[in-house]
Amino acid sequence: MIVLEGARRMLAAALEAEVDAYVAELADQRDGRGRRLVVRNGHAEARTVTTGAGPIEVQAPRVND
C-alpha cells in the first residue's frame, strides 16, 4: 500500500507540475477581450493507471486551451 500511495502522489505531482508549466508558458496569450486563452479548469475524473507497483487512481488537472 505504501508503494502504491507513493506512486500515486508522484504521478499526481508530475501532472500538476506539467500543467503549471504549460499554463505559465502561455499566460500572456489573450483573446480579443483580454482574457487568457489557456487556464486551469479543475480536475478530470479519476482514471486507473497501471504501474509496476499495481493499478492506481489519479485525477489529472484540466486545462481549457
N, C-alpha and C. Protein backbone atom coordinates (compact mmCIF):
# COMPACT_ATOMS: atom_id res chain seq x y z
N MET A 1 0.81 -1.20 0.00
CA MET A 1 0.00 0.00 0.00
C MET A 1 0.85 1.26 0.00
N ILE A 2 1.95 1.26 0.73
CA ILE A 2 2.80 2.44 0.79
C ILE A 2 3.38 2.74 -0.58
N VAL A 3 3.77 1.70 -1.31
CA VAL A 3 4.35 1.89 -2.64
C VAL A 3 3.30 2.46 -3.59
N LEU A 4 2.08 1.96 -3.52
CA LEU A 4 1.02 2.46 -4.39
C LEU A 4 0.70 3.92 -4.09
N GLU A 5 0.64 4.27 -2.82
CA GLU A 5 0.35 5.66 -2.45
C GLU A 5 1.49 6.58 -2.90
N GLY A 6 2.72 6.13 -2.76
CA GLY A 6 3.86 6.91 -3.23
C GLY A 6 3.83 7.11 -4.73
N ALA A 7 3.49 6.06 -5.47
CA ALA A 7 3.40 6.16 -6.93
C ALA A 7 2.28 7.11 -7.33
N ARG A 8 1.15 7.04 -6.63
CA ARG A 8 0.02 7.92 -6.93
C ARG A 8 0.41 9.38 -6.70
N ARG A 9 1.06 9.65 -5.58
CA ARG A 9 1.47 11.02 -5.26
C ARG A 9 2.50 11.55 -6.26
N MET A 10 3.44 10.71 -6.64
CA MET A 10 4.46 11.14 -7.60
C MET A 10 3.84 11.46 -8.96
N LEU A 11 2.94 10.60 -9.42
CA LEU A 11 2.29 10.83 -10.71
C LEU A 11 1.42 12.08 -10.66
N ALA A 12 0.67 12.26 -9.58
CA ALA A 12 -0.18 13.45 -9.45
C ALA A 12 0.67 14.71 -9.42
N ALA A 13 1.79 14.68 -8.71
CA ALA A 13 2.68 15.85 -8.64
C ALA A 13 3.28 16.16 -10.00
N ALA A 14 3.65 15.13 -10.74
CA ALA A 14 4.22 15.33 -12.08
C ALA A 14 3.18 15.94 -13.02
N LEU A 15 1.95 15.47 -12.96
CA LEU A 15 0.89 16.03 -13.80
C LEU A 15 0.63 17.49 -13.45
N GLU A 16 0.56 17.80 -12.16
CA GLU A 16 0.35 19.18 -11.72
C GLU A 16 1.48 20.09 -12.20
N ALA A 17 2.72 19.62 -12.07
CA ALA A 17 3.87 20.43 -12.50
C ALA A 17 3.84 20.68 -14.00
N GLU A 18 3.47 19.66 -14.77
CA GLU A 18 3.41 19.81 -16.22
C GLU A 18 2.34 20.82 -16.62
N VAL A 19 1.17 20.73 -15.99
CA VAL A 19 0.09 21.67 -16.29
C VAL A 19 0.47 23.09 -15.87
N ASP A 20 1.08 23.23 -14.69
CA ASP A 20 1.51 24.55 -14.23
C ASP A 20 2.49 25.18 -15.22
N ALA A 21 3.44 24.40 -15.70
CA ALA A 21 4.42 24.91 -16.66
C ALA A 21 3.75 25.31 -17.97
N TYR A 22 2.81 24.50 -18.44
CA TYR A 22 2.10 24.78 -19.69
C TYR A 22 1.29 26.07 -19.58
N VAL A 23 0.54 26.21 -18.49
CA VAL A 23 -0.28 27.40 -18.29
C VAL A 23 0.60 28.64 -18.14
N ALA A 24 1.70 28.52 -17.41
CA ALA A 24 2.61 29.65 -17.22
C ALA A 24 3.26 30.08 -18.53
N GLU A 25 3.60 29.11 -19.36
CA GLU A 25 4.24 29.41 -20.65
C GLU A 25 3.33 30.22 -21.56
N LEU A 26 2.03 29.96 -21.47
CA LEU A 26 1.07 30.63 -22.35
C LEU A 26 0.25 31.69 -21.63
N ALA A 27 0.69 32.12 -20.46
CA ALA A 27 -0.07 33.06 -19.64
C ALA A 27 -0.28 34.41 -20.31
N ASP A 28 0.62 34.82 -21.18
CA ASP A 28 0.50 36.14 -21.80
C ASP A 28 -0.35 36.15 -23.06
N GLN A 29 -0.83 35.01 -23.49
CA GLN A 29 -1.69 34.96 -24.68
C GLN A 29 -3.12 35.30 -24.27
N ARG A 30 -3.70 36.29 -24.96
CA ARG A 30 -5.04 36.78 -24.62
C ARG A 30 -5.93 36.79 -25.86
N ASP A 31 -7.23 36.72 -25.62
CA ASP A 31 -8.17 36.83 -26.73
C ASP A 31 -8.49 38.31 -26.96
N GLY A 32 -9.44 38.59 -27.83
CA GLY A 32 -9.80 39.96 -28.16
C GLY A 32 -10.38 40.75 -26.99
N ARG A 33 -10.90 40.05 -26.00
CA ARG A 33 -11.47 40.72 -24.83
C ARG A 33 -10.49 40.84 -23.67
N GLY A 34 -9.25 40.39 -23.90
CA GLY A 34 -8.23 40.48 -22.86
C GLY A 34 -8.20 39.31 -21.90
N ARG A 35 -8.96 38.26 -22.19
CA ARG A 35 -8.98 37.09 -21.32
C ARG A 35 -7.90 36.10 -21.72
N ARG A 36 -7.37 35.40 -20.75
CA ARG A 36 -6.33 34.42 -21.03
C ARG A 36 -6.90 33.27 -21.86
N LEU A 37 -6.12 32.81 -22.83
CA LEU A 37 -6.56 31.72 -23.71
C LEU A 37 -6.38 30.36 -23.06
N VAL A 38 -5.41 30.23 -22.17
CA VAL A 38 -5.13 28.94 -21.53
C VAL A 38 -5.29 29.12 -20.03
N VAL A 39 -6.23 28.38 -19.44
CA VAL A 39 -6.49 28.46 -18.00
C VAL A 39 -6.73 27.07 -17.43
N ARG A 40 -6.49 26.92 -16.15
CA ARG A 40 -6.81 25.67 -15.46
C ARG A 40 -8.31 25.60 -15.27
N ASN A 41 -8.84 24.38 -15.20
CA ASN A 41 -10.28 24.20 -15.04
C ASN A 41 -10.56 22.97 -14.19
N GLY A 42 -10.08 22.96 -12.96
CA GLY A 42 -10.36 21.86 -12.05
C GLY A 42 -9.59 20.59 -12.39
N HIS A 43 -10.24 19.46 -12.14
CA HIS A 43 -9.62 18.16 -12.39
C HIS A 43 -10.58 17.27 -13.17
N ALA A 44 -10.02 16.39 -13.97
CA ALA A 44 -10.81 15.42 -14.72
C ALA A 44 -11.22 14.28 -13.78
N GLU A 45 -12.08 13.41 -14.26
CA GLU A 45 -12.47 12.24 -13.48
C GLU A 45 -11.24 11.38 -13.22
N ALA A 46 -11.25 10.69 -12.10
CA ALA A 46 -10.13 9.81 -11.77
C ALA A 46 -10.02 8.70 -12.80
N ARG A 47 -8.78 8.37 -13.14
CA ARG A 47 -8.51 7.28 -14.08
C ARG A 47 -7.61 6.27 -13.41
N THR A 48 -7.77 5.03 -13.78
CA THR A 48 -6.90 3.98 -13.27
C THR A 48 -5.72 3.84 -14.21
N VAL A 49 -4.52 3.92 -13.64
CA VAL A 49 -3.28 3.80 -14.39
C VAL A 49 -2.54 2.59 -13.86
N THR A 50 -2.08 1.73 -14.74
CA THR A 50 -1.34 0.55 -14.33
C THR A 50 0.14 0.89 -14.24
N THR A 51 0.72 0.65 -13.07
CA THR A 51 2.14 0.90 -12.85
C THR A 51 2.81 -0.42 -12.47
N GLY A 52 4.12 -0.39 -12.34
CA GLY A 52 4.85 -1.57 -11.90
C GLY A 52 4.45 -2.01 -10.50
N ALA A 53 3.97 -1.05 -9.70
CA ALA A 53 3.55 -1.35 -8.33
C ALA A 53 2.11 -1.84 -8.28
N GLY A 54 1.39 -1.71 -9.37
CA GLY A 54 -0.02 -2.10 -9.42
C GLY A 54 -0.87 -0.95 -9.92
N PRO A 55 -2.18 -1.17 -10.03
CA PRO A 55 -3.07 -0.11 -10.53
C PRO A 55 -3.28 0.98 -9.47
N ILE A 56 -3.29 2.24 -9.94
CA ILE A 56 -3.55 3.37 -9.06
C ILE A 56 -4.55 4.29 -9.74
N GLU A 57 -5.31 5.04 -8.94
CA GLU A 57 -6.24 6.02 -9.48
C GLU A 57 -5.64 7.40 -9.34
N VAL A 58 -5.70 8.17 -10.43
CA VAL A 58 -5.13 9.52 -10.45
C VAL A 58 -6.12 10.47 -11.10
N GLN A 59 -6.24 11.67 -10.53
CA GLN A 59 -7.05 12.72 -11.14
C GLN A 59 -6.10 13.70 -11.81
N ALA A 60 -6.23 13.84 -13.11
CA ALA A 60 -5.38 14.76 -13.86
C ALA A 60 -6.01 16.15 -13.84
N PRO A 61 -5.20 17.19 -13.75
CA PRO A 61 -5.74 18.55 -13.84
C PRO A 61 -6.28 18.82 -15.24
N ARG A 62 -7.34 19.63 -15.31
CA ARG A 62 -7.92 20.00 -16.60
C ARG A 62 -7.44 21.38 -17.01
N VAL A 63 -7.31 21.57 -18.31
CA VAL A 63 -6.88 22.85 -18.87
C VAL A 63 -7.82 23.21 -20.01
N ASN A 64 -8.28 24.45 -20.01
CA ASN A 64 -9.02 24.97 -21.16
C ASN A 64 -8.04 25.73 -22.03
N ASP A 65 -7.87 25.26 -23.26
CA ASP A 65 -6.96 25.95 -24.18
C ASP A 65 -7.55 26.03 -25.56
